[in-house]
PDB file of N, CA and C in Angstrom:
ATOM      1  N   MET A   1       0.835  -1.171   0.000  1.00  0.00           N
ATOM      2  CA  MET A   1       0.000   0.000   0.000  1.00  0.00           C
ATOM      3  C   MET A   1       0.884   1.239   0.000  1.00  0.00           C
ATOM      4  N   GLY A   2       0.571   2.141  -0.865  1.00  0.00           N
ATOM      5  CA  GLY A   2       1.323   3.384  -0.953  1.00  0.00           C
ATOM      6  C   GLY A   2       0.421   4.576  -0.712  1.00  0.00           C
ATOM      7  N   ARG A   3       1.040   5.689  -0.673  1.00  0.00           N
ATOM      8  CA  ARG A   3       0.279   6.919  -0.492  1.00  0.00           C
ATOM      9  C   ARG A   3      -0.365   7.341  -1.803  1.00  0.00           C
ATOM     10  N   LYS A   4      -1.478   8.018  -1.659  1.00  0.00           N
ATOM     11  CA  LYS A   4      -2.142   8.543  -2.844  1.00  0.00           C
ATOM     12  C   LYS A   4      -1.380   9.757  -3.333  1.00  0.00           C
ATOM     13  N   LYS A   5      -1.262   9.871  -4.616  1.00  0.00           N
ATOM     14  CA  LYS A   5      -0.606  11.038  -5.198  1.00  0.00           C
ATOM     15  C   LYS A   5      -1.675  12.056  -5.573  1.00  0.00           C
ATOM     16  N   GLY A   6      -1.448  13.288  -5.176  1.00  0.00           N
ATOM     17  CA  GLY A   6      -2.345  14.363  -5.591  1.00  0.00           C
ATOM     18  C   GLY A   6      -3.655  14.394  -4.838  1.00  0.00           C
ATOM     19  N   VAL A   7      -3.629  14.702  -3.585  1.00  0.00           N
ATOM     20  CA  VAL A   7      -4.850  14.865  -2.821  1.00  0.00           C
ATOM     21  C   VAL A   7      -5.478  16.201  -3.194  1.00  0.00           C
ATOM     22  N   VAL A   8      -6.777  16.198  -3.452  1.00  0.00           N
ATOM     23  CA  VAL A   8      -7.476  17.414  -3.862  1.00  0.00           C
ATOM     24  C   VAL A   8      -8.404  17.846  -2.734  1.00  0.00           C
ATOM     25  N   PHE A   9      -8.257  19.098  -2.302  1.00  0.00           N
ATOM     26  CA  PHE A   9      -9.109  19.658  -1.278  1.00  0.00           C
ATOM     27  C   PHE A   9     -10.117  20.598  -1.932  1.00  0.00           C
ATOM     28  N   ASP A  10     -11.349  20.524  -1.475  1.00  0.00           N
ATOM     29  CA  ASP A  10     -12.385  21.429  -1.966  1.00  0.00           C
ATOM     30  C   ASP A  10     -12.351  22.676  -1.088  1.00  0.00           C
ATOM     31  N   GLU A  11     -11.716  23.731  -1.570  1.00  0.00           N
ATOM     32  CA  GLU A  11     -11.529  24.929  -0.766  1.00  0.00           C
ATOM     33  C   GLU A  11     -12.482  26.050  -1.131  1.00  0.00           C
ATOM     34  N   GLY A  12     -13.368  25.819  -2.047  1.00  0.00           N
ATOM     35  CA  GLY A  12     -14.269  26.877  -2.493  1.00  0.00           C
ATOM     36  C   GLY A  12     -15.560  26.916  -1.699  1.00  0.00           C
ATOM     37  N   GLU A  13     -16.359  27.918  -2.016  1.00  0.00           N
ATOM     38  CA  GLU A  13     -17.671  28.037  -1.381  1.00  0.00           C
ATOM     39  C   GLU A  13     -18.572  26.922  -1.882  1.00  0.00           C
ATOM     40  N   PRO A  14     -19.595  26.565  -1.098  1.00  0.00           N
ATOM     41  CA  PRO A  14     -20.537  25.550  -1.581  1.00  0.00           C
ATOM     42  C   PRO A  14     -21.283  26.057  -2.815  1.00  0.00           C
ATOM     43  N   ASP A  15     -21.496  25.167  -3.755  1.00  0.00           N
ATOM     44  CA  ASP A  15     -22.112  25.554  -5.024  1.00  0.00           C
ATOM     45  C   ASP A  15     -23.595  25.891  -4.884  1.00  0.00           C
ATOM     46  N   ASP A  16     -24.288  25.206  -3.988  1.00  0.00           N
ATOM     47  CA  ASP A  16     -25.735  25.357  -3.917  1.00  0.00           C
ATOM     48  C   ASP A  16     -26.197  26.296  -2.805  1.00  0.00           C
ATOM     49  N   PHE A  17     -25.306  27.162  -2.286  1.00  0.00           N
ATOM     50  CA  PHE A  17     -25.706  28.106  -1.248  1.00  0.00           C
ATOM     51  C   PHE A  17     -26.356  29.326  -1.881  1.00  0.00           C
ATOM     52  N   ASP A  18     -27.522  29.694  -1.358  1.00  0.00           N
ATOM     53  CA  ASP A  18     -28.266  30.844  -1.857  1.00  0.00           C
ATOM     54  C   ASP A  18     -28.243  31.939  -0.797  1.00  0.00           C
ATOM     55  N   PRO A  19     -27.484  33.039  -1.001  1.00  0.00           N
ATOM     56  CA  PRO A  19     -27.424  34.085   0.022  1.00  0.00           C
ATOM     57  C   PRO A  19     -28.747  34.811   0.233  1.00  0.00           C
ATOM     58  N   GLU A  20     -29.628  34.791  -0.745  1.00  0.00           N
ATOM     59  CA  GLU A  20     -30.928  35.438  -0.603  1.00  0.00           C
ATOM     60  C   GLU A  20     -31.823  34.674   0.368  1.00  0.00           C
ATOM     61  N   ASN A  21     -31.720  33.340   0.346  1.00  0.00           N
ATOM     62  CA  ASN A  21     -32.518  32.491   1.233  1.00  0.00           C
ATOM     63  C   ASN A  21     -31.591  31.426   1.823  1.00  0.00           C
ATOM     64  N   PRO A  22     -30.806  31.784   2.844  1.00  0.00           N
ATOM     65  CA  PRO A  22     -29.810  30.836   3.347  1.00  0.00           C
ATOM     66  C   PRO A  22     -30.411  29.618   4.045  1.00  0.00           C
ATOM     67  N   TYR A  23     -31.638  29.718   4.538  1.00  0.00           N
ATOM     68  CA  TYR A  23     -32.249  28.608   5.264  1.00  0.00           C
ATOM     69  C   TYR A  23     -32.944  27.606   4.344  1.00  0.00           C
ATOM     70  N   LYS A  24     -32.897  27.845   3.039  1.00  0.00           N
ATOM     71  CA  LYS A  24     -33.533  26.925   2.106  1.00  0.00           C
ATOM     72  C   LYS A  24     -32.847  25.565   2.144  1.00  0.00           C
ATOM     73  N   ASP A  25     -31.522  25.574   2.187  1.00  0.00           N
ATOM     74  CA  ASP A  25     -30.750  24.338   2.233  1.00  0.00           C
ATOM     75  C   ASP A  25     -29.847  24.377   3.467  1.00  0.00           C
ATOM     76  N   PRO A  26     -30.236  23.711   4.555  1.00  0.00           N
ATOM     77  CA  PRO A  26     -29.448  23.806   5.785  1.00  0.00           C
ATOM     78  C   PRO A  26     -28.044  23.222   5.650  1.00  0.00           C
ATOM     79  N   VAL A  27     -27.876  22.217   4.820  1.00  0.00           N
ATOM     80  CA  VAL A  27     -26.544  21.624   4.640  1.00  0.00           C
ATOM     81  C   VAL A  27     -25.619  22.627   3.966  1.00  0.00           C
ATOM     82  N   ALA A  28     -26.121  23.297   2.937  1.00  0.00           N
ATOM     83  CA  ALA A  28     -25.307  24.311   2.258  1.00  0.00           C
ATOM     84  C   ALA A  28     -25.013  25.482   3.186  1.00  0.00           C
ATOM     85  N   MET A  29     -25.959  25.815   4.067  1.00  0.00           N
ATOM     86  CA  MET A  29     -25.727  26.901   5.005  1.00  0.00           C
ATOM     87  C   MET A  29     -24.600  26.539   5.974  1.00  0.00           C
ATOM     88  N   LEU A  30     -24.589  25.314   6.478  1.00  0.00           N
ATOM     89  CA  LEU A  30     -23.524  24.880   7.376  1.00  0.00           C
ATOM     90  C   LEU A  30     -22.179  24.797   6.654  1.00  0.00           C
ATOM     91  N   GLU A  31     -22.201  24.346   5.407  1.00  0.00           N
ATOM     92  CA  GLU A  31     -20.955  24.309   4.624  1.00  0.00           C
ATOM     93  C   GLU A  31     -20.421  25.712   4.388  1.00  0.00           C
ATOM     94  N   MET A  32     -21.312  26.654   4.154  1.00  0.00           N
ATOM     95  CA  MET A  32     -20.884  28.043   3.956  1.00  0.00           C
ATOM     96  C   MET A  32     -20.303  28.614   5.252  1.00  0.00           C
ATOM     97  N   ARG A  33     -20.935  28.310   6.372  1.00  0.00           N
ATOM     98  CA  ARG A  33     -20.416  28.766   7.660  1.00  0.00           C
ATOM     99  C   ARG A  33     -19.021  28.183   7.909  1.00  0.00           C
ATOM    100  N   GLU A  34     -18.848  26.893   7.638  1.00  0.00           N
ATOM    101  CA  GLU A  34     -17.535  26.265   7.804  1.00  0.00           C
ATOM    102  C   GLU A  34     -16.502  26.896   6.874  1.00  0.00           C
ATOM    103  N   HIS A  35     -16.923  27.224   5.659  1.00  0.00           N
ATOM    104  CA  HIS A  35     -16.012  27.866   4.702  1.00  0.00           C
ATOM    105  C   HIS A  35     -15.558  29.228   5.227  1.00  0.00           C
ATOM    106  N   LEU A  36     -16.494  30.027   5.755  1.00  0.00           N
ATOM    107  CA  LEU A  36     -16.145  31.348   6.272  1.00  0.00           C
ATOM    108  C   LEU A  36     -15.212  31.248   7.473  1.00  0.00           C
ATOM    109  N   VAL A  37     -15.469  30.297   8.358  1.00  0.00           N
ATOM    110  CA  VAL A  37     -14.610  30.115   9.533  1.00  0.00           C
ATOM    111  C   VAL A  37     -13.214  29.667   9.103  1.00  0.00           C
ATOM    112  N   ARG A  38     -13.158  28.756   8.138  1.00  0.00           N
ATOM    113  CA  ARG A  38     -11.861  28.275   7.645  1.00  0.00           C
ATOM    114  C   ARG A  38     -11.062  29.414   7.024  1.00  0.00           C
ATOM    115  N   GLU A  39     -11.711  30.254   6.231  1.00  0.00           N
ATOM    116  CA  GLU A  39     -11.011  31.386   5.614  1.00  0.00           C
ATOM    117  C   GLU A  39     -10.534  32.381   6.673  1.00  0.00           C
ATOM    118  N   LYS A  40     -11.340  32.598   7.710  1.00  0.00           N
ATOM    119  CA  LYS A  40     -10.945  33.516   8.774  1.00  0.00           C
ATOM    120  C   LYS A  40      -9.742  32.972   9.532  1.00  0.00           C
ATOM    121  N   TRP A  41      -9.719  31.656   9.793  1.00  0.00           N
ATOM    122  CA  TRP A  41      -8.567  31.054  10.472  1.00  0.00           C
ATOM    123  C   TRP A  41      -7.310  31.149   9.618  1.00  0.00           C
ATOM    124  N   ILE A  42      -7.447  31.003   8.332  1.00  0.00           N
ATOM    125  CA  ILE A  42      -6.279  31.132   7.438  1.00  0.00           C
ATOM    126  C   ILE A  42      -5.724  32.544   7.521  1.00  0.00           C
ATOM    127  N   ASP A  43      -6.605  33.555   7.517  1.00  0.00           N
ATOM    128  CA  ASP A  43      -6.154  34.942   7.631  1.00  0.00           C
ATOM    129  C   ASP A  43      -5.467  35.208   8.963  1.00  0.00           C
ATOM    130  N   ILE A  44      -6.018  34.664  10.043  1.00  0.00           N
ATOM    131  CA  ILE A  44      -5.437  34.866  11.366  1.00  0.00           C
ATOM    132  C   ILE A  44      -4.060  34.213  11.458  1.00  0.00           C
ATOM    133  N   GLU A  45      -3.928  32.995  10.966  1.00  0.00           N
ATOM    134  CA  GLU A  45      -2.644  32.302  11.037  1.00  0.00           C
ATOM    135  C   GLU A  45      -1.603  32.963  10.137  1.00  0.00           C
ATOM    136  N   THR A  46      -2.025  33.504   9.000  1.00  0.00           N
ATOM    137  CA  THR A  46      -1.099  34.243   8.142  1.00  0.00           C
ATOM    138  C   THR A  46      -0.560  35.468   8.862  1.00  0.00           C
ATOM    139  N   ALA A  47      -1.442  36.164   9.580  1.00  0.00           N
ATOM    140  CA  ALA A  47      -1.004  37.336  10.342  1.00  0.00           C
ATOM    141  C   ALA A  47      -0.041  36.937  11.450  1.00  0.00           C
ATOM    142  N   LYS A  48      -0.268  35.791  12.089  1.00  0.00           N
ATOM    143  CA  LYS A  48       0.642  35.324  13.134  1.00  0.00           C
ATOM    144  C   LYS A  48       2.030  35.021  12.568  1.00  0.00           C
ATOM    145  N   ILE A  49       2.075  34.399  11.401  1.00  0.00           N
ATOM    146  CA  ILE A  49       3.364  34.095  10.767  1.00  0.00           C
ATOM    147  C   ILE A  49       4.100  35.382  10.426  1.00  0.00           C
ATOM    148  N   LEU A  50       3.384  36.360   9.885  1.00  0.00           N
ATOM    149  CA  LEU A  50       4.016  37.644   9.569  1.00  0.00           C
ATOM    150  C   LEU A  50       4.502  38.353  10.830  1.00  0.00           C
ATOM    151  N   ARG A  51       3.757  38.227  11.932  1.00  0.00           N
ATOM    152  CA  ARG A  51       4.180  38.840  13.182  1.00  0.00           C
ATOM    153  C   ARG A  51       5.474  38.219  13.693  1.00  0.00           C
ATOM    154  N   GLU A  52       5.607  36.897  13.561  1.00  0.00           N
ATOM    155  CA  GLU A  52       6.846  36.237  13.985  1.00  0.00           C
ATOM    156  C   GLU A  52       8.029  36.673  13.117  1.00  0.00           C
ATOM    157  N   LYS A  53       7.805  36.816  11.816  1.00  0.00           N
ATOM    158  CA  LYS A  53       8.874  37.303  10.931  1.00  0.00           C
ATOM    159  C   LYS A  53       9.268  38.729  11.296  1.00  0.00           C
ATOM    160  N   LEU A  54       8.290  39.531  11.664  1.00  0.00           N
ATOM    161  CA  LEU A  54       8.557  40.917  12.045  1.00  0.00           C
ATOM    162  C   LEU A  54       9.349  40.987  13.355  1.00  0.00           C
ATOM    163  N   LYS A  55       9.006  40.147  14.319  1.00  0.00           N
ATOM    164  CA  LYS A  55       9.779  40.098  15.567  1.00  0.00           C
ATOM    165  C   LYS A  55      11.229  39.718  15.287  1.00  0.00           C
ATOM    166  N   TRP A  56      11.403  38.717  14.438  1.00  0.00           N
ATOM    167  CA  TRP A  56      12.750  38.263  14.089  1.00  0.00           C
ATOM    168  C   TRP A  56      13.523  39.396  13.419  1.00  0.00           C
ATOM    169  N   CYS A  57      12.869  40.116  12.522  1.00  0.00           N
ATOM    170  CA  CYS A  57      13.525  41.213  11.813  1.00  0.00           C
ATOM    171  C   CYS A  57      13.922  42.321  12.791  1.00  0.00           C
ATOM    172  N   TYR A  58      13.041  42.655  13.737  1.00  0.00           N
ATOM    173  CA  TYR A  58      13.370  43.681  14.731  1.00  0.00           C
ATOM    174  C   TYR A  58      14.589  43.285  15.558  1.00  0.00           C
ATOM    175  N   ARG A  59      14.658  42.024  15.944  1.00  0.00           N
ATOM    176  CA  ARG A  59      15.774  41.570  16.776  1.00  0.00           C
ATOM    177  C   ARG A  59      17.085  41.545  15.999  1.00  0.00           C
ATOM    178  N   ILE A  60      17.033  41.112  14.761  1.00  0.00           N
ATOM    179  CA  ILE A  60      18.250  40.986  13.955  1.00  0.00           C
ATOM    180  C   ILE A  60      18.765  42.352  13.515  1.00  0.00           C
ATOM    181  N   GLU A  61      17.871  43.220  13.063  1.00  0.00           N
ATOM    182  CA  GLU A  61      18.296  44.498  12.488  1.00  0.00           C
ATOM    183  C   GLU A  61      18.688  45.526  13.538  1.00  0.00           C
ATOM    184  N   GLY A  62      18.133  45.430  14.717  1.00  0.00           N
ATOM    185  CA  GLY A  62      18.512  46.355  15.779  1.00  0.00           C
ATOM    186  C   GLY A  62      18.081  47.781  15.476  1.00  0.00           C
ATOM    187  N   VAL A  63      19.051  48.691  15.453  1.00  0.00           N
ATOM    188  CA  VAL A  63      18.764  50.112  15.281  1.00  0.00           C
ATOM    189  C   VAL A  63      18.176  50.401  13.900  1.00  0.00           C
ATOM    190  N   ASN A  64      18.549  49.645  12.906  1.00  0.00           N
ATOM    191  CA  ASN A  64      18.106  49.903  11.535  1.00  0.00           C
ATOM    192  C   ASN A  64      16.762  49.257  11.192  1.00  0.00           C
ATOM    193  N   HIS A  65      16.021  48.810  12.186  1.00  0.00           N
ATOM    194  CA  HIS A  65      14.773  48.105  11.877  1.00  0.00           C
ATOM    195  C   HIS A  65      13.731  49.012  11.227  1.00  0.00           C
ATOM    196  N   HIS A  66      13.813  50.314  11.427  1.00  0.00           N
ATOM    197  CA  HIS A  66      12.839  51.213  10.790  1.00  0.00           C
ATOM    198  C   HIS A  66      12.955  51.164   9.270  1.00  0.00           C
ATOM    199  N   GLN A  67      14.154  51.035   8.759  1.00  0.00           N
ATOM    200  CA  GLN A  67      14.358  50.985   7.311  1.00  0.00           C
ATOM    201  C   GLN A  67      14.256  49.567   6.777  1.00  0.00           C
ATOM    202  N   ASN A  68      14.887  48.629   7.460  1.00  0.00           N
ATOM    203  CA  ASN A  68      15.029  47.288   6.904  1.00  0.00           C
ATOM    204  C   ASN A  68      13.811  46.399   7.109  1.00  0.00           C
ATOM    205  N   CYS A  69      12.936  46.742   8.014  1.00  0.00           N
ATOM    206  CA  CYS A  69      11.748  45.919   8.269  1.00  0.00           C
ATOM    207  C   CYS A  69      10.459  46.592   7.801  1.00  0.00           C
ATOM    208  N   ARG A  70      10.581  47.680   7.083  1.00  0.00           N
ATOM    209  CA  ARG A  70       9.406  48.444   6.678  1.00  0.00           C
ATOM    210  C   ARG A  70       8.447  47.611   5.820  1.00  0.00           C
ATOM    211  N   HIS A  71       8.990  46.786   4.915  1.00  0.00           N
ATOM    212  CA  HIS A  71       8.127  45.971   4.054  1.00  0.00           C
ATOM    213  C   HIS A  71       7.335  44.946   4.875  1.00  0.00           C
ATOM    214  N   LEU A  72       7.954  44.388   5.925  1.00  0.00           N
ATOM    215  CA  LEU A  72       7.234  43.438   6.775  1.00  0.00           C
ATOM    216  C   LEU A  72       6.150  44.128   7.600  1.00  0.00           C
ATOM    217  N   VAL A  73       6.435  45.348   8.040  1.00  0.00           N
ATOM    218  CA  VAL A  73       5.428  46.094   8.802  1.00  0.00           C
ATOM    219  C   VAL A  73       4.210  46.347   7.924  1.00  0.00           C
ATOM    220  N   GLN A  74       4.430  46.736   6.685  1.00  0.00           N
ATOM    221  CA  GLN A  74       3.307  47.007   5.781  1.00  0.00           C
ATOM    222  C   GLN A  74       2.510  45.738   5.491  1.00  0.00           C
ATOM    223  N   LYS A  75       3.211  44.615   5.273  1.00  0.00           N
ATOM    224  CA  LYS A  75       2.515  43.348   5.045  1.00  0.00           C
ATOM    225  C   LYS A  75       1.695  42.945   6.260  1.00  0.00           C
ATOM    226  N   TYR A  76       2.279  43.126   7.448  1.00  0.00           N
ATOM    227  CA  TYR A  76       1.580  42.752   8.678  1.00  0.00           C
ATOM    228  C   TYR A  76       0.346  43.628   8.898  1.00  0.00           C
ATOM    229  N   LEU A  77       0.480  44.921   8.687  1.00  0.00           N
ATOM    230  CA  LEU A  77      -0.668  45.807   8.865  1.00  0.00           C
ATOM    231  C   LEU A  77      -1.770  45.507   7.859  1.00  0.00           C
ATOM    232  N   ASP A  78      -1.390  45.206   6.612  1.00  0.00           N
ATOM    233  CA  ASP A  78      -2.397  44.843   5.614  1.00  0.00           C
ATOM    234  C   ASP A  78      -3.070  43.517   5.959  1.00  0.00           C
ATOM    235  N   ALA A  79      -2.291  42.591   6.530  1.00  0.00           N
ATOM    236  CA  ALA A  79      -2.851  41.277   6.864  1.00  0.00           C
ATOM    237  C   ALA A  79      -3.788  41.345   8.067  1.00  0.00           C
ATOM    238  N   THR A  80      -3.588  42.318   8.963  1.00  0.00           N
ATOM    239  CA  THR A  80      -4.424  42.379  10.162  1.00  0.00           C
ATOM    240  C   THR A  80      -5.640  43.274  10.003  1.00  0.00           C
ATOM    241  N   ARG A  81      -5.787  43.937   8.907  1.00  0.00           N
ATOM    242  CA  ARG A  81      -6.963  44.786   8.714  1.00  0.00           C
ATOM    243  C   ARG A  81      -8.198  43.916   8.463  1.00  0.00           C
ATOM    244  N   GLY A  82      -9.189  44.084   9.321  1.00  0.00           N
ATOM    245  CA  GLY A  82     -10.466  43.409   9.103  1.00  0.00           C
ATOM    246  C   GLY A  82     -10.512  41.961   9.518  1.00  0.00           C
ATOM    247  N   ILE A  83      -9.479  41.439  10.178  1.00  0.00           N
ATOM    248  CA  ILE A  83      -9.563  40.057  10.632  1.00  0.00           C
ATOM    249  C   ILE A  83      -9.725  40.040  12.138  1.00  0.00           C
ATOM    250  N   GLY A  84     -10.146  38.926  12.638  1.00  0.00           N
ATOM    251  CA  GLY A  84     -10.372  38.762  14.063  1.00  0.00           C
ATOM    252  C   GLY A  84     -11.822  38.403  14.297  1.00  0.00           C
ATOM    253  N   TRP A  85     -12.096  37.887  15.454  1.00  0.00           N
ATOM    254  CA  TRP A  85     -13.443  37.395  15.729  1.00  0.00           C
ATOM    255  C   TRP A  85     -14.372  38.484  16.236  1.00  0.00           C
ATOM    256  N   GLY A  86     -13.879  39.513  16.906  1.00  0.00           N
ATOM    257  CA  GLY A  86     -14.755  40.488  17.516  1.00  0.00           C
ATOM    258  C   GLY A  86     -15.009  41.715  16.680  1.00  0.00           C
ATOM    259  N   LYS A  87     -14.589  41.745  15.437  1.00  0.00           N
ATOM    260  CA  LYS A  87     -14.672  42.960  14.642  1.00  0.00           C
ATOM    261  C   LYS A  87     -15.810  42.953  13.630  1.00  0.00           C
ATOM    262  N   ASP A  88     -16.657  41.975  13.660  1.00  0.00           N
ATOM    263  CA  ASP A  88     -17.657  41.841  12.608  1.00  0.00           C
ATOM    264  C   ASP A  88     -18.773  42.867  12.706  1.00  0.00           C
ATOM    265  N   HIS A  89     -19.073  43.381  13.897  1.00  0.00           N
ATOM    266  CA  HIS A  89     -20.197  44.293  14.039  1.00  0.00           C
ATOM    267  C   HIS A  89     -19.777  45.747  14.177  1.00  0.00           C
ATOM    268  N   ARG A  90     -18.494  46.030  14.038  1.00  0.00           N
ATOM    269  CA  ARG A  90     -18.028  47.409  14.090  1.00  0.00           C
ATOM    270  C   ARG A  90     -18.081  48.016  12.701  1.00  0.00           C
ATOM    271  N   PRO A  91     -18.164  49.320  12.598  1.00  0.00           N
ATOM    272  CA  PRO A  91     -18.207  49.951  11.286  1.00  0.00           C
ATOM    273  C   PRO A  91     -16.922  49.669  10.503  1.00  0.00           C
ATOM    274  N   PRO A  92     -17.022  49.478   9.193  1.00  0.00           N
ATOM    275  CA  PRO A  92     -15.830  49.177   8.391  1.00  0.00           C
ATOM    276  C   PRO A  92     -14.775  50.272   8.431  1.00  0.00           C
ATOM    277  N   SER A  93     -15.174  51.491   8.768  1.00  0.00           N
ATOM    278  CA  SER A  93     -14.188  52.554   8.821  1.00  0.00           C
ATOM    279  C   SER A  93     -13.164  52.325   9.934  1.00  0.00           C
ATOM    280  N   LEU A  94     -13.526  51.548  10.939  1.00  0.00           N
ATOM    281  CA  LEU A  94     -12.612  51.275  12.045  1.00  0.00           C
ATOM    282  C   LEU A  94     -11.671  50.117  11.784  1.00  0.00           C
ATOM    283  N   HIS A  95     -12.089  49.159  10.932  1.00  0.00           N
ATOM    284  CA  HIS A  95     -11.250  47.991  10.734  1.00  0.00           C
ATOM    285  C   HIS A  95     -11.166  47.555   9.268  1.00  0.00           C
ATOM    286  N   GLY A  96     -11.689  48.324   8.372  1.00  0.00           N
ATOM    287  CA  GLY A  96     -11.701  47.939   6.969  1.00  0.00           C
ATOM    288  C   GLY A  96     -10.360  48.116   6.298  1.00  0.00           C
ATOM    289  N   PRO A  97     -10.309  47.860   5.005  1.00  0.00           N
ATOM    290  CA  PRO A  97      -9.062  48.038   4.289  1.00  0.00           C
ATOM    291  C   PRO A  97      -8.620  49.489   4.288  1.00  0.00           C
ATOM    292  N   LYS A  98      -7.344  49.670   4.098  1.00  0.00           N
ATOM    293  CA  LYS A  98      -6.790  51.019   4.123  1.00  0.00           C
ATOM    294  C   LYS A  98      -7.355  51.843   2.970  1.00  0.00           C
ATOM    295  N   VAL A  99      -7.858  53.017   3.282  1.00  0.00           N
ATOM    296  CA  VAL A  99      -8.441  53.899   2.286  1.00  0.00           C
ATOM    297  C   VAL A  99      -7.356  54.835   1.799  1.00  0.00           C
ATOM    298  N   GLU A 100      -7.106  54.808   0.501  1.00  0.00           N
ATOM    299  CA  GLU A 100      -6.090  55.674  -0.100  1.00  0.00           C
ATOM    300  C   GLU A 100      -6.703  57.045  -0.365  1.00  0.00           C
ATOM    301  N   SER A 101      -6.091  58.084   0.142  1.00  0.00           N
ATOM    302  CA  SER A 101      -6.580  59.434  -0.122  1.00  0.00           C
ATOM    303  C   SER A 101      -5.985  59.934  -1.445  1.00  0.00           C
ATOM    304  N   GLU A 102      -6.782  60.647  -2.193  1.00  0.00           N
ATOM    305  CA  GLU A 102      -6.334  61.102  -3.514  1.00  0.00           C
ATOM    306  C   GLU A 102      -5.738  62.484  -3.453  1.00  0.00           C
TER     307      GLU A 102
END
């Protein structure tokens, strides 16, 4: 017995979920909820990895961390905008994506 080659994961949204009437198909509603939770966990773990890289950069670079770690700071700030469990009911202006002023 050997290992299977090429495991395929279904990472997309459920096909039969109707956002207009989510209670029409309870199985699709639960699959959609699981999909949203999975995507949120991926975002949170990505931010944690970036935070660890940023800590490492601060320790290694020392005094020059303002210049040499700037790209990691920007990635970390972009990754943490709008993620987290308690931010869903706050206005998007407080936690939404960065608004570019013209």
